[in-house]
C-alpha atoms as a PDB file:
ATOM      1  CA  UNK A   1      88.883 129.748  60.457  1.00  0.00           C
ATOM      2  CA  UNK A   2      87.882 133.506  59.935  1.00  0.00           C
ATOM      3  CA  UNK A   3      85.711 134.708  57.136  1.00  0.00           C
ATOM      4  CA  UNK A   4      85.861 138.298  55.725  1.00  0.00           C
ATOM      5  CA  UNK A   5      83.377 139.695  53.305  1.00  0.00           C
ATOM      6  CA  UNK A   6      84.895 142.246  50.975  1.00  0.00           C
ATOM      7  CA  UNK A   7      83.748 144.500  48.163  1.00  0.00           C
ATOM      8  CA  UNK A   8      85.754 146.599  45.673  1.00  0.00           C
ATOM      9  CA  UNK A   9      84.406 149.718  44.042  1.00  0.00           C
ATOM     10  CA  UNK A  10      85.343 151.996  41.158  1.00  0.00           C
ATOM     11  CA  UNK A  11      84.919 155.083  43.417  1.00  0.00           C
ATOM     12  CA  UNK A  12      85.394 155.583  47.166  1.00  0.00           C
ATOM     13  CA  UNK A  13      82.381 155.099  49.373  1.00  0.00           C
ATOM     14  CA  UNK A  14      81.718 158.532  50.895  1.00  0.00           C
ATOM     15  CA  UNK A  15      79.587 157.084  53.661  1.00  0.00           C
ATOM     16  CA  UNK A  16      82.630 155.046  54.785  1.00  0.00           C
ATOM     17  CA  UNK A  17      84.282 158.237  55.867  1.00  0.00           C
ATOM     18  CA  UNK A  18      81.272 159.823  57.650  1.00  0.00           C
ATOM     19  CA  UNK A  19      79.719 159.437  61.054  1.00  0.00           C
ATOM     20  CA  UNK A  20      76.250 158.947  59.643  1.00  0.00           C
ATOM     21  CA  UNK A  21      77.226 155.607  58.075  1.00  0.00           C
ATOM     22  CA  UNK A  22      74.273 153.121  58.477  1.00  0.00           C
ATOM     23  CA  UNK A  23      76.163 150.240  56.912  1.00  0.00           C
ATOM     24  CA  UNK A  24      79.261 148.614  58.466  1.00  0.00           C
ATOM     25  CA  UNK A  25      82.233 149.176  56.248  1.00  0.00           C
ATOM     26  CA  UNK A  26      85.900 148.862  57.304  1.00  0.00           C
ATOM     27  CA  UNK A  27      88.899 149.704  55.238  1.00  0.00           C
ATOM     28  CA  UNK A  28      90.052 146.524  53.386  1.00  0.00           C
ATOM     29  CA  UNK A  29      93.438 147.742  52.089  1.00  0.00           C
ATOM     30  CA  UNK A  30      95.344 145.332  54.309  1.00  0.00           C
ATOM     31  CA  UNK A  31      93.953 142.354  52.313  1.00  0.00           C
ATOM     32  CA  UNK A  32      94.033 143.960  48.975  1.00  0.00           C
ATOM     33  CA  UNK A  33      97.042 141.955  47.653  1.00  0.00           C
ATOM     34  CA  UNK A  34      95.305 138.667  48.563  1.00  0.00           C
ATOM     35  CA  UNK A  35      92.044 139.387  46.826  1.00  0.00           C
ATOM     36  CA  UNK A  36      91.112 138.694  43.190  1.00  0.00           C
ATOM     37  CA  UNK A  37      89.584 142.191  42.588  1.00  0.00           C
ATOM     38  CA  UNK A  38      90.047 144.331  39.579  1.00  0.00           C
ATOM     39  CA  UNK A  39      88.684 147.543  41.131  1.00  0.00           C
ATOM     40  CA  UNK A  40      90.844 149.943  43.289  1.00  0.00           C
ATOM     41  CA  UNK A  41      88.846 150.715  46.465  1.00  0.00           C
ATOM     42  CA  UNK A  42      88.480 147.757  48.821  1.00  0.00           C
ATOM     43  CA  UNK A  43      86.185 147.611  51.859  1.00  0.00           C
ATOM     44  CA  UNK A  44      85.383 144.916  54.391  1.00  0.00           C
ATOM     45  CA  UNK A  45      81.626 144.757  55.137  1.00  0.00           C
ATOM     46  CA  UNK A  46      79.153 143.454  57.662  1.00  0.00           C
ATOM     47  CA  UNK A  47      75.419 142.984  57.672  1.00  0.00           C
ATOM     48  CA  UNK A  48      72.851 140.707  56.030  1.00  0.00           C
ATOM     49  CA  UNK A  49      72.202 140.100  52.319  1.00  0.00           C
ATOM     50  CA  UNK A  50      69.007 142.229  52.062  1.00  0.00           C
ATOM     51  CA  UNK A  51      70.569 145.200  53.811  1.00  0.00           C
ATOM     52  CA  UNK A  52      73.635 144.868  51.583  1.00  0.00           C
ATOM     53  CA  UNK A  53      71.602 144.677  48.384  1.00  0.00           C
ATOM     54  CA  UNK A  54      69.475 147.675  49.506  1.00  0.00           C
ATOM     55  CA  UNK A  55      72.609 149.718  50.202  1.00  0.00           C
ATOM     56  CA  UNK A  56      74.206 148.738  46.822  1.00  0.00           C
ATOM     57  CA  UNK A  57      71.050 149.621  45.001  1.00  0.00           C
ATOM     58  CA  UNK A  58      70.986 153.119  46.560  1.00  0.00           C
ATOM     59  CA  UNK A  59      74.769 153.642  46.303  1.00  0.00           C
ATOM     60  CA  UNK A  60      75.326 152.530  42.744  1.00  0.00           C
ATOM     61  CA  UNK A  61      74.702 154.924  39.866  1.00  0.00           C
ATOM     62  CA  UNK A  62      74.109 153.924  36.239  1.00  0.00           C
ATOM     63  CA  UNK A  63      77.343 152.501  34.849  1.00  0.00           C
ATOM     64  CA  UNK A  64      78.814 151.514  38.241  1.00  0.00           C
ATOM     65  CA  UNK A  65      80.421 148.188  39.037  1.00  0.00           C
ATOM     66  CA  UNK A  66      81.025 146.593  42.516  1.00  0.00           C
ATOM     67  CA  UNK A  67      82.782 143.303  43.060  1.00  0.00           C
ATOM     68  CA  UNK A  68      82.312 141.076  46.126  1.00  0.00           C
ATOM     69  CA  UNK A  69      84.332 138.152  47.468  1.00  0.00           C
ATOM     70  CA  UNK A  70      84.521 136.039  50.681  1.00  0.00           C
ATOM     71  CA  UNK A  71      88.097 135.584  51.935  1.00  0.00           C
ATOM     72  CA  UNK A  72      88.601 132.804  54.398  1.00  0.00           C
ATOM     73  CA  UNK A  73      91.789 132.317  56.244  1.00  0.00           C
ATOM     74  CA  UNK A  74      92.876 129.422  58.506  1.00  0.00           C
ATOM     75  CA  UNK A  75      95.478 129.181  61.052  1.00  0.00           C
ATOM     76  CA  UNK A  76      98.433 131.646  60.901  1.00  0.00           C
ATOM     77  CA  UNK A  77      96.583 133.609  58.302  1.00  0.00           C
ATOM     78  CA  UNK A  78      96.896 131.069  55.411  1.00  0.00           C
ATOM     79  CA  UNK A  79      94.097 131.680  52.819  1.00  0.00           C
ATOM     80  CA  UNK A  80      91.462 129.006  52.428  1.00  0.00           C
ATOM     81  CA  UNK A  81      89.746 130.828  49.512  1.00  0.00           C
ATOM     82  CA  UNK A  82      90.521 130.108  45.965  1.00  0.00           C
ATOM     83  CA  UNK A  83      89.244 131.982  42.942  1.00  0.00           C
ATOM     84  CA  UNK A  84      87.588 129.985  40.216  1.00  0.00           C
ATOM     85  CA  UNK A  85      86.524 132.554  37.535  1.00  0.00           C
ATOM     86  CA  UNK A  86      84.260 130.024  35.864  1.00  0.00           C
ATOM     87  CA  UNK A  87      81.918 130.072  38.846  1.00  0.00           C
ATOM     88  CA  UNK A  88      81.600 133.873  38.902  1.00  0.00           C
ATOM     89  CA  UNK A  89      78.219 135.560  39.231  1.00  0.00           C
ATOM     90  CA  UNK A  90      76.957 138.799  37.698  1.00  0.00           C
ATOM     91  CA  UNK A  91      74.003 140.592  39.243  1.00  0.00           C
ATOM     92  CA  UNK A  92      72.383 143.458  37.339  1.00  0.00           C
ATOM     93  CA  UNK A  93      70.682 145.817  39.774  1.00  0.00           C
ATOM     94  CA  UNK A  94      68.998 147.862  36.960  1.00  0.00           C
ATOM     95  CA  UNK A  95      67.676 144.895  34.947  1.00  0.00           C
ATOM     96  CA  UNK A  96      67.128 142.732  37.949  1.00  0.00           C
ATOM     97  CA  UNK A  97      68.955 139.694  36.564  1.00  0.00           C
ATOM     98  CA  UNK A  98      71.192 137.069  38.290  1.00  0.00           C
ATOM     99  CA  UNK A  99      73.682 135.225  36.117  1.00  0.00           C
ATOM    100  CA  UNK A 100      75.853 132.235  37.118  1.00  0.00           C
ATOM    101  CA  UNK A 101      77.560 129.411  35.232  1.00  0.00           C
ATOM    102  CA  UNK A 102      74.200 127.703  34.619  1.00  0.00           C
ATOM    103  CA  UNK A 103      72.379 130.647  33.110  1.00  0.00           C
ATOM    104  CA  UNK A 104      70.744 134.027  33.500  1.00  0.00           C
ATOM    105  CA  UNK A 105      67.674 134.483  35.447  1.00  0.00           C
ATOM    106  CA  UNK A 106      65.142 137.333  35.532  1.00  0.00           C
ATOM    107  CA  UNK A 107      64.205 138.364  39.092  1.00  0.00           C
ATOM    108  CA  UNK A 108      60.677 139.379  39.998  1.00  0.00           C
ATOM    109  CA  UNK A 109      60.453 143.128  39.631  1.00  0.00           C
ATOM    110  CA  UNK A 110      58.578 143.573  42.943  1.00  0.00           C
ATOM    111  CA  UNK A 111      60.252 141.014  45.184  1.00  0.00           C
ATOM    112  CA  UNK A 112      63.687 140.962  43.646  1.00  0.00           C
ATOM    113  CA  UNK A 113      65.592 141.832  46.782  1.00  0.00           C
ATOM    114  CA  UNK A 114      64.074 138.956  48.714  1.00  0.00           C
ATOM    115  CA  UNK A 115      64.507 136.668  45.745  1.00  0.00           C
ATOM    116  CA  UNK A 116      68.168 137.637  45.294  1.00  0.00           C
ATOM    117  CA  UNK A 117      68.905 137.232  49.046  1.00  0.00           C
ATOM    118  CA  UNK A 118      67.887 133.587  48.792  1.00  0.00           C
ATOM    119  CA  UNK A 119      70.406 132.964  46.090  1.00  0.00           C
ATOM    120  CA  UNK A 120      74.181 132.475  46.501  1.00  0.00           C
ATOM    121  CA  UNK A 121      75.501 136.020  46.193  1.00  0.00           C
ATOM    122  CA  UNK A 122      78.982 135.908  47.577  1.00  0.00           C
ATOM    123  CA  UNK A 123      81.365 133.007  47.478  1.00  0.00           C
ATOM    124  CA  UNK A 124      84.884 132.004  48.657  1.00  0.00           C
ATOM    125  CA  UNK A 125      85.321 130.396  45.174  1.00  0.00           C
ATOM    126  CA  UNK A 126      84.681 133.384  42.848  1.00  0.00           C
ATOM    127  CA  UNK A 127      84.031 137.049  42.591  1.00  0.00           C
ATOM    128  CA  UNK A 128      80.472 138.239  42.290  1.00  0.00           C
ATOM    129  CA  UNK A 129      80.156 141.397  40.189  1.00  0.00           C
ATOM    130  CA  UNK A 130      77.238 143.776  40.614  1.00  0.00           C
ATOM    131  CA  UNK A 131      76.493 146.071  37.743  1.00  0.00           C
ATOM    132  CA  UNK A 132      73.898 148.874  37.125  1.00  0.00           C
ATOM    133  CA  UNK A 133      73.458 149.408  33.398  1.00  0.00           C
END
């Protein structure tokens, strides 16, 4: 089994195309048809949760949206991931909130990155949407 972590963005990630990129991004276009994204630019990513959250917080501008999804594939490339929209999460990086099917939670304004990194952010069962508004 192979797991791939993907994000989709409204705009291209300029750092993806430069040599100074400090965060590991690969072009995810080869998987685009297999992913439940609604946004046009797809990237495969690497790194830990806190590093990813820190990058998103600096990359995203007011009004931006980023989607994240874990795509697992088994033998011969057959997908093991299934999208269940009712389990989707929404994380607002401006208001510092986390919302899942059980409710919406306010994150601590000083320790929000650590708090968020301990929650389930990405899933093979639903798309996580990051917003900044």
